[in-house]
Amino acid sequence: MTHLWTPWRSTYMKEKKDKTRCLFCDAAAGSADEENLVVHRGAWSLVMLNRYPYTSGHVMIAPYEHAARLNQISEATAEELMRTSRRAEQILEDAYHPDGLNLGMNLGQAAGAGIDQHIHLHVLPRWNGDANFMTSVADTRVIPEALEDTFKKLKSGFAKLAHQ
C-alpha cells in the first residue's frame, strides 16, 4: 500500500462545515485575501485559487452576486467574467507555459458542481501527459507547487496586467 503525506488535508477534514455559508460570498465580503486565496478583485467578480487544485495554477472566477445560474447574473457581471477569464488565460500561460488550458463551469449538482449554489468558472493549465500513472493507477493527483507560491505568482500576474 502506498501512503501519501498530505497534512494540510487534515485541517480541512476536521473543520465543521457550516452549510449555510458560501465560500465565494465569504471571500467576497472579507478582506483576508491571502487567507482566502483571492488573487484578484474586479468590480463584479473575484479570482481565487482552488484550495484543492487539479493542477498548479487552478483558479476559480466567481461573481460577487450569489447566483446558481449564468442567466441570474447581470450583463456587467457576465462581461467581466469573460474579460477576467481572458486575463487568467494570459497570466497562466505566462506563469506556467502549459500545453493547454481547461475552462469550465458545472451548473448544478447533477453536472458535477461541488458548490452548486454559487456559479464559478474554473480555469486551469494542462500539460501533455499530466494525467500520469499516479492519476491512472492510484486515483491521486500530485501537485508540485505549494499554494503559497501559486498565490504569490498569480497575484503578481494579475497586478502586472492591471497596470497595462
Protein backbone atom coordinates (compact mmCIF):
# COMPACT_ATOMS: atom_id res chain seq x y z
CA MET A 1 0.00 0.00 0.00
CA THR A 2 1.27 3.46 -0.89
CA HIS A 3 0.86 6.31 1.58
CA LEU A 4 0.90 9.94 0.54
CA TRP A 5 1.52 12.56 3.20
CA THR A 6 -0.91 15.48 2.88
CA PRO A 7 -1.08 17.18 6.29
CA TRP A 8 -2.99 20.21 5.00
CA ARG A 9 -6.00 17.97 4.30
CA SER A 10 -6.43 17.07 7.99
CA THR A 11 -7.25 20.69 8.84
CA TYR A 12 -9.95 20.70 6.17
CA MET A 13 -11.37 17.35 7.23
CA LYS A 14 -11.56 18.38 10.91
CA GLU A 15 -13.38 21.63 10.17
CA LYS A 16 -17.06 21.72 10.98
CA LYS A 17 -18.78 22.77 7.81
CA ASP A 18 -21.44 25.44 8.02
CA LYS A 19 -23.78 24.57 5.17
CA THR A 20 -25.49 27.98 5.45
CA ARG A 21 -22.32 29.83 4.41
CA CYS A 22 -20.96 30.31 0.90
CA LEU A 23 -17.23 30.10 0.22
CA PHE A 24 -17.41 32.69 -2.55
CA CYS A 25 -19.64 35.13 -0.68
CA ASP A 26 -17.38 34.89 2.39
CA ALA A 27 -14.29 35.57 0.26
CA ALA A 28 -16.03 38.50 -1.48
CA ALA A 29 -17.16 40.07 1.81
CA GLY A 30 -13.87 39.54 3.62
CA SER A 31 -10.55 41.32 3.37
CA ALA A 32 -8.22 38.41 4.20
CA ASP A 33 -7.32 37.82 0.57
CA GLU A 34 -4.22 35.73 1.24
CA GLU A 35 -6.05 33.52 3.72
CA ASN A 36 -8.97 33.14 1.30
CA LEU A 37 -6.57 32.70 -1.66
CA VAL A 38 -8.10 35.66 -3.55
CA VAL A 39 -5.57 36.75 -6.18
CA HIS A 40 -7.69 39.41 -7.90
CA ARG A 41 -10.78 41.53 -7.25
CA GLY A 42 -12.69 43.14 -10.07
CA ALA A 43 -15.73 45.39 -9.97
CA TRP A 44 -18.18 42.46 -10.27
CA SER A 45 -16.14 39.32 -9.57
CA LEU A 46 -13.09 37.84 -7.91
CA VAL A 47 -10.44 35.28 -8.77
CA MET A 48 -9.32 32.81 -6.15
CA LEU A 49 -7.17 29.72 -6.07
CA ASN A 50 -8.83 26.36 -5.74
CA ARG A 51 -7.71 25.14 -2.30
CA TYR A 52 -7.66 21.56 -3.62
CA PRO A 53 -6.42 22.12 -7.17
CA TYR A 54 -6.49 19.71 -10.06
CA THR A 55 -3.18 21.22 -11.25
CA SER A 56 -0.88 24.02 -10.11
CA GLY A 57 -2.42 27.36 -11.08
CA HIS A 58 -6.05 26.16 -10.83
CA VAL A 59 -8.17 29.28 -10.28
CA MET A 60 -11.88 29.95 -9.96
CA ILE A 61 -13.59 33.12 -11.15
CA ALA A 62 -16.76 33.86 -9.19
CA PRO A 63 -19.20 36.75 -9.35
CA TYR A 64 -19.95 38.74 -6.23
CA GLU A 65 -23.62 38.06 -6.99
CA HIS A 66 -24.80 34.87 -5.28
CA ALA A 67 -26.42 33.02 -8.17
CA ALA A 68 -26.73 29.38 -9.18
CA ARG A 69 -27.06 30.01 -12.92
CA LEU A 70 -25.44 32.27 -15.50
CA ASN A 71 -28.80 33.67 -16.54
CA GLN A 72 -29.27 35.02 -13.00
CA ILE A 73 -26.31 37.43 -13.07
CA SER A 74 -26.21 40.91 -14.57
CA GLU A 75 -24.81 41.60 -18.03
CA ALA A 76 -21.99 43.64 -16.47
CA THR A 77 -21.03 40.69 -14.28
CA ALA A 78 -21.18 38.23 -17.19
CA GLU A 79 -19.00 40.53 -19.32
CA GLU A 80 -16.45 40.86 -16.51
CA LEU A 81 -16.36 37.07 -16.02
CA MET A 82 -15.34 36.67 -19.66
CA ARG A 83 -12.79 39.51 -19.56
CA THR A 84 -11.31 38.05 -16.40
CA SER A 85 -11.14 34.56 -17.89
CA ARG A 86 -9.16 36.01 -20.80
CA ARG A 87 -6.78 37.67 -18.34
CA ALA A 88 -6.46 34.43 -16.38
CA GLU A 89 -5.62 32.62 -19.62
CA GLN A 90 -2.80 35.06 -20.35
CA ILE A 91 -1.48 35.03 -16.77
CA LEU A 92 -1.49 31.23 -16.54
CA GLU A 93 0.26 30.93 -19.90
CA ASP A 94 2.93 33.42 -18.83
CA ALA A 95 3.42 31.84 -15.40
CA TYR A 96 3.26 28.13 -16.26
CA HIS A 97 3.75 27.73 -20.03
CA PRO A 98 1.12 24.98 -20.24
CA ASP A 99 0.34 22.94 -23.35
CA GLY A 100 -3.33 23.86 -22.97
CA LEU A 101 -5.99 25.18 -20.60
CA ASN A 102 -9.31 23.94 -19.29
CA LEU A 103 -12.10 26.44 -18.71
CA GLY A 104 -15.39 25.20 -17.37
CA MET A 105 -18.48 25.61 -15.23
CA ASN A 106 -20.59 22.91 -13.64
CA LEU A 107 -24.10 24.27 -13.22
CA GLY A 108 -26.00 22.16 -10.70
CA GLN A 109 -25.08 19.14 -8.63
CA ALA A 110 -26.05 16.73 -11.42
CA ALA A 111 -23.48 18.47 -13.65
CA GLY A 112 -20.74 17.89 -11.09
CA ALA A 113 -20.81 21.16 -9.17
CA GLY A 114 -19.26 20.80 -5.73
CA ILE A 115 -20.65 24.23 -4.84
CA ASP A 116 -23.86 24.41 -6.81
CA GLN A 117 -25.46 27.48 -5.22
CA HIS A 118 -22.83 29.98 -6.49
CA ILE A 119 -21.56 29.83 -10.06
CA HIS A 120 -17.84 29.91 -10.70
CA LEU A 121 -15.62 29.35 -13.70
CA HIS A 122 -12.63 27.04 -13.33
CA VAL A 123 -9.51 27.97 -15.30
CA LEU A 124 -6.55 25.63 -15.08
CA PRO A 125 -3.38 24.96 -17.00
CA ARG A 126 -2.81 21.49 -18.51
CA TRP A 127 0.23 19.72 -19.86
CA ASN A 128 0.62 16.82 -22.25
CA GLY A 129 0.95 13.75 -20.06
CA ASP A 130 -0.19 15.43 -16.83
CA ALA A 131 -2.52 12.51 -16.21
CA ASN A 132 0.38 10.28 -15.21
CA PHE A 133 0.47 6.87 -13.56
CA MET A 134 -0.48 8.33 -10.15
CA THR A 135 -3.79 9.51 -11.58
CA SER A 136 -4.42 6.35 -13.57
CA VAL A 137 -3.33 3.76 -11.03
CA ALA A 138 -3.79 5.41 -7.63
CA ASP A 139 -6.58 7.89 -8.37
CA THR A 140 -4.23 10.53 -6.93
CA ARG A 141 -3.01 13.91 -8.19
CA VAL A 142 0.47 15.18 -7.45
CA ILE A 143 0.62 18.98 -7.23
CA PRO A 144 4.24 20.15 -7.45
CA GLU A 145 3.77 23.70 -6.15
CA ALA A 146 2.71 24.98 -2.73
CA LEU A 147 -0.45 27.12 -2.69
CA GLU A 148 1.54 29.99 -1.12
CA ASP A 149 3.87 30.02 -4.15
CA THR A 150 0.96 29.82 -6.58
CA PHE A 151 -0.76 32.68 -4.72
CA LYS A 152 2.29 34.97 -5.00
CA LYS A 153 2.84 34.12 -8.65
CA LEU A 154 -0.75 34.71 -9.77
CA LYS A 155 -1.42 37.74 -7.55
CA SER A 156 1.65 39.34 -9.12
CA GLY A 157 0.45 38.36 -12.60
CA PHE A 158 -2.95 39.98 -12.10
CA ALA A 159 -1.34 43.11 -10.59
CA LYS A 160 1.00 43.48 -13.59
CA LEU A 161 -1.81 43.00 -16.07
CA ALA A 162 -3.94 45.62 -14.32
CA HIS A 163 -1.25 48.23 -14.99
CA GLN A 164 -1.08 47.53 -18.73
